[in-house]
């Protein structure tokens, strides 16, 4: 059984693929964006409570 979704779209005449929900189960969110032979993996995590002095 495969978990996740794959979305395809065309930007500037090139096919872009976004995959989410398949990897990084411990992250709060993630996706892999691919265009041609280039892929970028983005992972996002967050803490339960905000920390003093964090500005990003």
N, C-alpha and C. Protein backbone atom coordinates (compact mmCIF):
# COMPACT_ATOMS: atom_id res chain seq x y z
N UNK A 1 0.84 -1.18 0.00
CA UNK A 1 0.00 0.00 0.00
C UNK A 1 0.89 1.24 0.00
N UNK A 2 0.65 2.14 -0.93
CA UNK A 2 1.42 3.38 -1.02
C UNK A 2 0.62 4.52 -0.43
N UNK A 3 1.25 5.27 0.47
CA UNK A 3 0.62 6.44 1.05
C UNK A 3 1.15 7.66 0.31
N UNK A 4 0.33 8.65 0.12
CA UNK A 4 0.81 9.89 -0.49
C UNK A 4 0.03 10.26 -1.73
N UNK A 5 0.34 11.44 -2.21
CA UNK A 5 -0.32 11.96 -3.40
C UNK A 5 0.74 12.52 -4.34
N UNK A 6 0.46 12.45 -5.62
CA UNK A 6 1.34 13.00 -6.64
C UNK A 6 0.52 13.95 -7.50
N UNK A 7 1.03 15.16 -7.66
CA UNK A 7 0.37 16.17 -8.47
C UNK A 7 1.28 16.54 -9.63
N UNK A 8 0.69 16.71 -10.81
CA UNK A 8 1.44 17.10 -12.00
C UNK A 8 0.86 18.42 -12.52
N UNK A 9 1.73 19.31 -12.96
CA UNK A 9 1.29 20.55 -13.58
C UNK A 9 2.36 20.99 -14.57
N UNK A 10 2.03 21.94 -15.41
CA UNK A 10 2.98 22.48 -16.38
C UNK A 10 3.23 23.94 -16.06
N UNK A 11 4.50 24.30 -15.92
CA UNK A 11 4.90 25.68 -15.66
C UNK A 11 5.94 26.07 -16.70
N UNK A 12 5.66 27.10 -17.46
CA UNK A 12 6.61 27.55 -18.49
C UNK A 12 6.91 26.49 -19.52
N UNK A 13 5.93 25.64 -19.82
CA UNK A 13 6.10 24.59 -20.82
C UNK A 13 6.83 23.35 -20.31
N UNK A 14 7.16 23.31 -19.02
CA UNK A 14 7.86 22.15 -18.45
C UNK A 14 6.98 21.48 -17.41
N UNK A 15 7.01 20.16 -17.39
CA UNK A 15 6.21 19.41 -16.42
C UNK A 15 6.87 19.45 -15.04
N UNK A 16 6.07 19.80 -14.04
CA UNK A 16 6.52 19.83 -12.65
C UNK A 16 5.69 18.83 -11.86
N UNK A 17 6.36 18.01 -11.05
CA UNK A 17 5.69 16.99 -10.25
C UNK A 17 5.93 17.29 -8.78
N UNK A 18 4.86 17.22 -7.98
CA UNK A 18 4.95 17.40 -6.53
C UNK A 18 4.45 16.13 -5.86
N UNK A 19 5.31 15.50 -5.05
CA UNK A 19 4.93 14.30 -4.30
C UNK A 19 4.88 14.65 -2.82
N UNK A 20 3.86 14.19 -2.12
CA UNK A 20 3.75 14.45 -0.70
C UNK A 20 3.14 13.25 0.02
N UNK A 21 3.45 13.12 1.30
CA UNK A 21 2.86 12.07 2.13
C UNK A 21 3.51 10.71 2.02
N UNK A 22 4.62 10.58 1.31
CA UNK A 22 5.22 9.27 1.10
C UNK A 22 6.46 9.04 1.95
N UNK A 23 7.20 10.10 2.26
CA UNK A 23 8.45 9.99 3.01
C UNK A 23 8.36 10.85 4.27
N UNK A 24 9.36 10.76 5.11
CA UNK A 24 9.53 11.65 6.28
C UNK A 24 8.31 11.65 7.19
N UNK A 25 7.92 10.50 7.66
CA UNK A 25 6.74 10.38 8.52
C UNK A 25 6.84 11.14 9.83
N UNK A 26 8.04 11.46 10.30
CA UNK A 26 8.18 12.19 11.56
C UNK A 26 8.18 13.70 11.37
N UNK A 27 8.22 14.17 10.14
CA UNK A 27 8.17 15.62 9.88
C UNK A 27 6.71 16.07 9.92
N UNK A 28 6.49 17.35 10.23
CA UNK A 28 5.14 17.88 10.22
C UNK A 28 4.60 18.06 8.80
N UNK A 29 5.49 18.24 7.85
CA UNK A 29 5.10 18.35 6.46
C UNK A 29 6.31 18.18 5.57
N UNK A 30 6.10 17.71 4.36
CA UNK A 30 7.21 17.51 3.43
C UNK A 30 6.68 17.34 2.02
N UNK A 31 7.54 17.60 1.04
CA UNK A 31 7.21 17.32 -0.35
C UNK A 31 8.50 17.21 -1.15
N UNK A 32 8.38 16.55 -2.28
CA UNK A 32 9.47 16.47 -3.24
C UNK A 32 8.95 17.10 -4.53
N UNK A 33 9.65 18.13 -5.00
CA UNK A 33 9.26 18.83 -6.22
C UNK A 33 10.29 18.49 -7.29
N UNK A 34 9.82 17.99 -8.44
CA UNK A 34 10.72 17.58 -9.52
C UNK A 34 10.36 18.28 -10.82
N UNK A 35 11.42 18.66 -11.55
CA UNK A 35 11.26 19.25 -12.88
C UNK A 35 12.44 18.78 -13.70
N UNK A 36 12.18 17.97 -14.71
CA UNK A 36 13.26 17.40 -15.51
C UNK A 36 14.10 16.46 -14.65
N UNK A 37 15.41 16.67 -14.64
CA UNK A 37 16.31 15.84 -13.84
C UNK A 37 16.61 16.44 -12.47
N UNK A 38 15.92 17.52 -12.11
CA UNK A 38 16.18 18.20 -10.84
C UNK A 38 15.05 17.92 -9.86
N UNK A 39 15.41 17.53 -8.63
CA UNK A 39 14.44 17.29 -7.56
C UNK A 39 14.90 18.02 -6.30
N UNK A 40 13.93 18.56 -5.57
CA UNK A 40 14.20 19.24 -4.30
C UNK A 40 13.27 18.64 -3.26
N UNK A 41 13.84 18.23 -2.11
CA UNK A 41 13.04 17.71 -1.01
C UNK A 41 12.94 18.79 0.06
N UNK A 42 11.72 19.09 0.49
CA UNK A 42 11.47 20.11 1.50
C UNK A 42 10.84 19.43 2.71
N UNK A 43 11.42 19.62 3.90
CA UNK A 43 10.90 19.05 5.14
C UNK A 43 10.63 20.18 6.12
N UNK A 44 9.53 20.07 6.86
CA UNK A 44 9.16 21.10 7.82
C UNK A 44 8.85 20.43 9.15
N UNK A 45 9.43 20.97 10.23
CA UNK A 45 9.09 20.52 11.58
C UNK A 45 8.78 21.74 12.43
N UNK A 46 8.06 21.51 13.52
CA UNK A 46 7.76 22.59 14.44
C UNK A 46 7.67 22.03 15.85
N UNK A 47 7.88 22.90 16.82
CA UNK A 47 7.78 22.47 18.21
C UNK A 47 6.36 22.72 18.71
N UNK A 48 6.04 22.10 19.82
CA UNK A 48 4.70 22.26 20.41
C UNK A 48 4.48 23.69 20.91
N UNK A 49 5.55 24.30 21.45
CA UNK A 49 5.44 25.64 22.04
C UNK A 49 6.46 26.57 21.38
N UNK A 50 6.09 27.85 21.17
CA UNK A 50 7.05 28.80 20.63
C UNK A 50 8.21 29.02 21.61
N UNK A 51 9.41 29.29 21.06
CA UNK A 51 10.58 29.55 21.90
C UNK A 51 10.94 31.03 21.85
N UNK A 52 11.25 31.57 22.99
CA UNK A 52 11.62 32.98 23.11
C UNK A 52 12.87 33.27 22.29
N UNK A 53 12.86 34.37 21.55
CA UNK A 53 14.03 34.81 20.81
C UNK A 53 14.19 34.20 19.43
N UNK A 54 13.31 33.31 19.02
CA UNK A 54 13.40 32.72 17.68
C UNK A 54 12.71 33.66 16.70
N UNK A 55 13.41 34.04 15.64
CA UNK A 55 12.84 35.00 14.69
C UNK A 55 12.68 34.42 13.29
N UNK A 56 12.64 33.12 13.18
CA UNK A 56 12.43 32.51 11.87
C UNK A 56 11.49 31.35 11.99
